[in-house]
Protein backbone atom coordinates (compact mmCIF):
# COMPACT_ATOMS: atom_id res chain seq x y z
CA MET A 1 13.63 26.29 80.30
CA ARG A 2 13.41 29.60 78.45
CA VAL A 3 17.10 30.13 78.93
CA ALA A 4 17.85 26.74 77.38
CA LYS A 5 15.67 27.44 74.31
CA LEU A 6 17.28 30.83 73.86
CA PHE A 7 20.70 29.24 74.04
CA ASN A 8 19.81 26.65 71.40
CA LEU A 9 18.46 29.33 69.09
CA VAL A 10 21.60 31.43 69.40
CA SER A 11 23.75 28.35 68.77
CA ALA A 12 21.81 27.50 65.60
CA LEU A 13 22.14 31.02 64.26
CA ALA A 14 25.83 31.01 64.94
CA LEU A 15 26.24 27.66 63.16
CA PHE A 16 24.27 28.89 60.13
CA ALA A 17 26.40 32.03 59.94
CA PHE A 18 29.55 29.93 60.16
CA VAL A 19 28.49 27.62 57.34
CA GLY A 20 27.46 30.54 55.15
CA THR A 21 30.78 32.30 55.80
CA ALA A 22 32.72 29.11 55.01
CA ALA A 23 30.83 28.61 51.74
CA ALA A 24 31.42 32.19 50.70
CA ALA A 25 35.08 31.82 51.52
CA ASP A 26 35.37 28.79 49.17
CA PRO A 27 33.97 29.91 45.79
CA ALA A 28 35.84 27.16 43.88
CA LYS A 29 33.57 24.41 45.22
CA PRO A 30 31.57 23.00 42.20
CA THR A 31 27.78 23.14 42.15
CA ALA A 32 26.14 19.71 42.34
CA VAL A 33 24.94 18.51 38.89
CA LEU A 34 22.52 15.67 38.20
CA THR A 35 23.58 12.89 35.81
CA SER A 36 21.66 10.09 34.14
CA ALA A 37 23.09 7.79 36.78
CA ASP A 38 21.27 9.88 39.39
CA CYS A 39 17.97 9.75 37.46
CA VAL A 40 17.83 5.97 37.38
CA LYS A 41 17.93 5.81 41.18
CA CYS A 42 14.30 6.96 41.27
CA HIS A 43 13.07 6.67 37.68
CA GLU A 44 13.62 3.02 36.80
CA GLN A 45 11.22 2.51 33.86
CA PRO A 46 12.20 5.38 31.49
CA PRO A 47 15.84 4.23 31.23
CA LYS A 48 14.60 0.70 30.51
CA ASP A 49 12.30 1.99 27.78
CA ILE A 50 15.06 4.03 26.20
CA ALA A 51 17.45 1.08 26.28
CA ALA A 52 14.85 -1.15 24.57
CA ALA A 53 13.47 1.19 21.89
CA GLY A 54 14.80 4.68 22.41
CA GLY A 55 16.06 5.27 18.88
CA LYS A 56 17.99 8.52 18.75
CA HIS A 57 16.80 9.30 22.25
CA LYS A 58 19.13 6.53 23.32
CA THR A 59 22.14 7.30 21.16
CA GLU A 60 22.18 11.08 20.81
CA VAL A 61 20.72 12.62 23.98
CA THR A 62 20.89 12.19 27.74
CA CYS A 63 18.21 12.66 30.38
CA GLN A 64 19.50 16.16 31.06
CA ASP A 65 19.29 17.21 27.40
CA CYS A 66 15.51 16.97 27.63
CA HIS A 67 14.86 17.42 31.35
CA VAL A 68 16.87 20.54 32.13
CA GLY A 69 16.13 20.47 35.84
CA HIS A 70 14.26 18.80 38.65
CA PRO A 71 11.68 20.02 41.15
CA PRO A 72 11.74 21.99 43.36
CA LYS A 73 14.39 23.98 41.54
CA VAL A 74 12.59 23.58 38.19
CA LYS A 75 8.81 23.50 38.35
CA LYS A 76 8.15 22.01 34.88
CA PRO A 77 10.78 19.39 34.05
CA ILE A 78 8.79 17.80 31.17
CA PRO A 79 9.91 19.43 27.89
CA GLN A 80 7.96 20.20 24.74
CA CYS A 81 8.84 18.02 21.73
CA SER A 82 9.47 21.19 19.71
CA GLN A 83 12.39 21.93 22.02
CA CYS A 84 14.43 19.64 19.78
CA HIS A 85 12.20 18.61 16.89
CA GLU A 86 11.78 21.45 14.42
CA GLY A 87 12.30 22.36 10.79
CA LYS A 88 10.07 19.69 9.19
CA PRO A 89 6.34 19.70 8.38
CA HIS A 90 5.78 16.71 10.64
CA PHE A 91 7.12 18.58 13.65
CA LYS A 92 4.50 21.30 13.18
CA LEU A 93 1.68 18.88 13.97
CA GLN A 94 -0.12 19.31 17.26
CA GLY A 95 -0.66 16.62 19.87
CA CYS A 96 2.55 14.65 19.49
CA LEU A 97 1.62 12.27 22.31
CA GLY A 98 -1.50 11.22 20.43
CA CYS A 99 0.70 8.88 18.37
CA HIS A 100 4.03 8.93 20.21
CA THR A 101 2.41 7.92 23.48
CA ASN A 102 5.73 7.26 25.21
CA PRO A 103 8.50 9.73 24.36
CA HIS A 104 11.08 7.28 25.70
CA THR A 105 10.08 4.82 22.91
CA PRO A 106 9.29 7.40 20.18
CA LYS A 107 9.03 5.00 17.23
CA ASN A 108 6.58 2.64 18.95
CA ILE A 109 3.57 4.36 17.42
CA LYS A 110 -0.02 3.16 17.67
CA PHE A 111 -3.12 4.87 16.38
CA GLY A 112 -6.74 4.26 15.44
CA ASN A 113 -8.36 3.52 12.08
CA ASN A 114 -8.98 7.09 10.93
CA VAL A 115 -5.50 8.58 10.70
CA THR A 116 -4.12 9.90 7.41
CA ASP A 117 -3.01 13.55 7.55
CA PRO A 118 -0.14 13.06 10.02
CA CYS A 119 1.20 10.25 7.83
CA LEU A 120 1.31 12.49 4.76
CA THR A 121 3.89 14.83 6.28
CA CYS A 122 6.50 12.08 5.87
CA HIS A 123 5.11 9.52 3.43
CA THR A 124 4.47 11.71 0.39
CA GLY A 125 5.37 9.13 -2.26
CA GLN A 126 2.69 6.71 -1.11
CA ILE A 127 -0.13 9.25 -1.15
CA GLU A 128 0.90 10.42 -4.63
CA GLN A 129 0.52 6.85 -5.90
CA LEU A 130 -2.86 6.41 -4.21
CA ARG A 131 -4.18 9.61 -5.77
CA SER A 132 -2.70 9.04 -9.23
CA PHE A 133 -3.81 5.41 -9.54
CA LYS A 134 -7.36 5.31 -8.25
CA SER A 135 -8.53 2.10 -6.60
CA LYS A 136 -10.51 1.04 -3.56
CA HIS A 137 -7.33 1.54 -1.54
CA SER A 138 -7.44 5.26 -2.38
CA ALA A 139 -10.55 5.69 -0.23
CA LEU A 140 -9.00 4.14 2.89
CA ASN A 141 -7.21 5.93 5.72
CA CYS A 142 -3.53 5.05 6.09
CA SER A 143 -4.11 3.53 9.51
CA PHE A 144 -6.71 1.10 8.14
CA CYS A 145 -3.79 -1.04 6.99
CA HIS A 146 -0.92 0.44 9.02
CA ASN A 147 -2.47 0.55 12.49
CA VAL A 148 1.02 0.34 14.00
CA HIS A 149 3.76 2.57 12.62
CA GLY A 150 6.10 0.69 10.30
CA ARG A 151 3.81 -2.34 10.08
CA ILE A 152 3.29 -3.65 6.53
CA PRO A 153 0.34 -6.05 6.51
CA GLU A 154 0.00 -9.02 4.21
CA CYS A 155 -2.44 -8.55 1.35
CA THR A 156 -4.25 -11.73 2.37
CA GLN A 157 -5.32 -9.97 5.56
CA CYS A 158 -8.16 -8.51 3.43
CA HIS A 159 -7.88 -10.18 0.01
CA LYS A 160 -8.26 -13.84 -0.85
CA PRO A 161 -5.43 -15.16 -3.06
CA HIS A 162 -6.30 -15.82 -6.71
CA SER A 163 -5.56 -19.52 -6.28
CA ASN A 164 -4.85 -21.98 -3.49
CA ASP A 165 -1.17 -22.33 -4.34
CA MET A 166 -0.47 -18.59 -4.07
CA ALA A 167 1.23 -17.34 -0.90
CA ALA A 168 0.95 -13.84 0.54
CA LYS A 169 4.40 -12.90 -0.79
CA ASP A 170 3.28 -13.71 -4.34
CA CYS A 171 0.85 -10.76 -4.41
CA LYS A 172 3.71 -8.29 -4.71
CA VAL A 173 4.95 -9.96 -7.88
CA CYS A 174 2.20 -8.13 -9.80
CA HIS A 175 0.54 -5.67 -7.39
CA GLN A 176 1.88 -2.68 -5.49
CA ALA A 177 -0.18 -1.83 -2.42
CA HIS A 178 -0.55 1.87 -3.16
CA LYS A 179 -1.52 1.32 -6.81
CA PRO A 180 -2.92 -2.22 -6.84
CA ALA A 181 -4.89 -1.94 -10.08
CA ASP A 182 -1.78 -0.89 -12.05
CA VAL A 183 -0.58 -4.46 -12.60
CA THR A 184 3.03 -4.89 -13.66
CA TYR A 185 5.37 -7.86 -13.51
CA LYS A 186 8.92 -8.96 -14.17
CA SER A 187 10.18 -10.93 -17.15
CA ASP A 188 10.65 -14.06 -15.03
CA THR A 189 7.09 -14.16 -13.65
CA PRO A 190 5.90 -17.80 -13.78
CA SER A 191 2.85 -18.52 -15.92
CA LYS A 192 0.99 -20.04 -12.97
CA MET A 193 0.60 -16.51 -11.61
CA CYS A 194 -1.29 -15.56 -14.77
CA ALA A 195 -3.27 -18.80 -14.74
CA ALA A 196 -4.80 -17.88 -11.40
CA CYS A 197 -7.04 -15.38 -13.24
CA HIS A 198 -6.68 -16.40 -16.88
CA SER A 199 -7.34 -20.11 -16.50
CA LYS A 200 -9.02 -20.65 -19.88
CA ALA A 201 -6.13 -19.11 -21.84
CA PHE A 202 -3.62 -21.05 -19.76
CA LYS A 203 -5.36 -24.40 -20.34
CA LEU A 204 -5.62 -23.80 -24.07
CA LEU A 205 -1.97 -22.83 -24.30
CA THR A 206 -0.54 -25.72 -22.27
CA SER A 207 -2.63 -28.29 -24.15
CA SER A 208 -1.67 -26.91 -27.56
CA THR A 209 0.86 -28.68 -29.78
CA ALA A 210 2.12 -25.44 -31.29
CA LYS A 211 5.42 -23.81 -30.32
CA HIS A 212 3.58 -21.12 -28.35
CA SER A 213 2.87 -23.73 -25.65
CA LYS A 214 6.57 -23.71 -24.73
CA LEU A 215 6.56 -19.96 -24.02
CA ALA A 216 5.80 -18.24 -20.72
CA CYS A 217 2.85 -15.85 -20.70
CA VAL A 218 5.15 -12.89 -20.07
CA TYR A 219 7.15 -13.66 -23.21
CA CYS A 220 4.31 -12.18 -25.26
CA HIS A 221 2.41 -10.12 -22.66
CA GLN A 222 5.39 -8.08 -21.55
CA ALA A 223 5.76 -5.86 -18.48
CA LYS A 224 2.20 -4.55 -18.18
CA HIS A 225 -1.14 -6.20 -17.63
CA LYS A 226 -3.57 -6.37 -20.61
CA MET A 227 -0.76 -5.75 -23.09
CA VAL A 228 -1.72 -7.76 -26.21
CA PRO A 229 1.06 -7.92 -28.82
CA GLN A 230 0.65 -8.04 -32.59
CA CYS A 231 1.63 -11.33 -34.21
CA THR A 232 3.99 -9.45 -36.51
CA GLN A 233 6.10 -8.36 -33.54
CA CYS A 234 7.66 -11.81 -33.68
CA HIS A 235 6.46 -13.15 -37.04
CA VAL A 236 7.55 -10.19 -39.13
CA LYS A 237 6.59 -11.40 -42.66
CA PRO A 238 5.06 -14.82 -42.19
CA HIS A 239 3.53 -15.12 -45.69
CA PRO A 240 3.84 -13.60 -49.15
CA ALA A 241 2.12 -10.29 -49.64
CA ALA A 242 -0.67 -11.79 -51.73
CA ILE A 243 -1.73 -14.11 -48.91
CA MET A 244 -1.53 -11.34 -46.34
CA ALA A 245 -3.66 -9.14 -48.57
CA LYS A 246 -6.31 -11.85 -48.87
CA PHE A 247 -6.19 -12.80 -45.18
CA PRO A 248 -5.11 -9.65 -43.26
CA LYS A 249 -6.11 -11.10 -39.88
CA CYS A 250 -3.90 -13.92 -38.65
CA GLY A 251 -6.77 -15.45 -36.73
CA GLU A 252 -8.71 -16.12 -39.91
CA CYS A 253 -6.47 -19.15 -40.43
CA HIS A 254 -4.56 -19.68 -37.20
CA SER A 255 -7.38 -19.34 -34.68
CA ILE A 256 -6.12 -17.65 -31.48
CA ALA A 257 -2.58 -17.32 -30.12
CA HIS A 258 -3.28 -19.68 -27.21
CA ASP A 259 -4.67 -22.41 -29.48
CA LEU A 260 -2.93 -22.08 -32.83
CA ASN A 261 -3.48 -23.83 -36.14
CA ARG A 262 -7.00 -25.11 -35.75
CA TRP A 263 -7.18 -25.28 -39.50
CA GLY A 264 -10.55 -27.02 -39.76
CA GLU A 265 -12.20 -24.71 -37.23
CA ALA A 266 -10.69 -21.46 -38.46
CA ALA A 267 -11.13 -22.03 -42.20
CA ALA A 268 -14.42 -23.96 -42.18
CA THR A 269 -17.44 -22.31 -43.71
CA PRO A 270 -20.91 -23.00 -42.40
CA ALA A 271 -22.78 -25.74 -44.34
CA ALA A 272 -25.28 -24.55 -46.90
CA ALA A 273 -28.73 -24.39 -45.44
CA PRO A 274 -31.42 -26.47 -47.18
CA ALA A 275 -33.45 -24.54 -49.70
CA LYS A 276 -36.77 -23.40 -48.45
CA PRO A 277 -39.80 -24.72 -50.39
CA ALA A 278 -41.17 -22.32 -52.94
CA ALA A 279 -44.03 -20.24 -51.79
CA PRO A 280 -47.41 -21.45 -53.18
CA ALA A 281 -48.68 -19.60 -56.24
CA ALA A 282 -51.09 -16.85 -55.52
CA LYS A 283 -54.74 -17.71 -56.07
CA PRO A 284 -56.41 -15.98 -59.09
CA ALA A 285 -58.43 -12.97 -58.23
CA ALA A 286 -62.18 -13.53 -57.86
CA PRO A 287 -64.25 -12.38 -60.88
CA ALA A 288 -65.89 -9.04 -60.60
CA ALA A 289 -69.48 -9.13 -59.38
CA LYS A 290 -72.16 -8.92 -62.07
CA PRO A 291 -74.24 -5.74 -62.03
CA ALA A 292 -77.60 -6.19 -60.42
CA LYS A 293 -80.62 -6.48 -62.68
CA PRO A 294 -82.97 -3.49 -62.62
CA VAL A 295 -86.10 -4.06 -60.65
CA LYS A 296 -89.25 -3.93 -62.61
CA LYS A 297 -91.88 -1.48 -61.39
């Protein structure tokens, strides 16, 4: 039995020496290299993730560009993000996987409701608007609205529309999300958008018989909210100088721009109040008291 074991051991050593000698004698034989096709044989999900939402990880790099080896030859095959991503403020942030939870789908980013600073390393224009144009939005964290990266919520998620016929897309006609109180609008903005807040002015204007009723609100109130034009911007010299000197304010005769030419109301003077009855004449003063007679002793 011992002889048989010894024989097997010698045979194995001889075979090992032969193989080693043969390999050394053939230096041109290429070293085996892993390819992405080899990776998918064991790692099925990462290639699927990259194919679905890999971004540049799909189009510009291979498995081997990030994972430079495989155990047992390489003990730590998972790379650091900074191996490739460098040179920008965003790449200096710590804890990449806190937002980019799956590096094989790097743009599928989810985070909680208290994230702002990481966003500012890329989205500088938005934070400048929030800080320059103070509003309630300025006090919110970025992720309060954008809880998924790239998601732009509808305003009606938090805000009720001004009127029932306004859709979510109509909000952006006047409001920008990062400076919502700085209201601006285009020259073709329909008057019904203004009527949602300024209903009294709108009703007066549309029921008026004056030419102003044919104009859109933005014809006079141009470009910026609360812009009130002077009448003379359109009506340069409406009356002779003598009339303008006597009545310098247009509204003294023409009422208001939304309800023009209410002649009776604008020019009427209040009726004279009835005269008050004359105050009764003052009573004559009482005569002075007679001096007392001396008392006889």
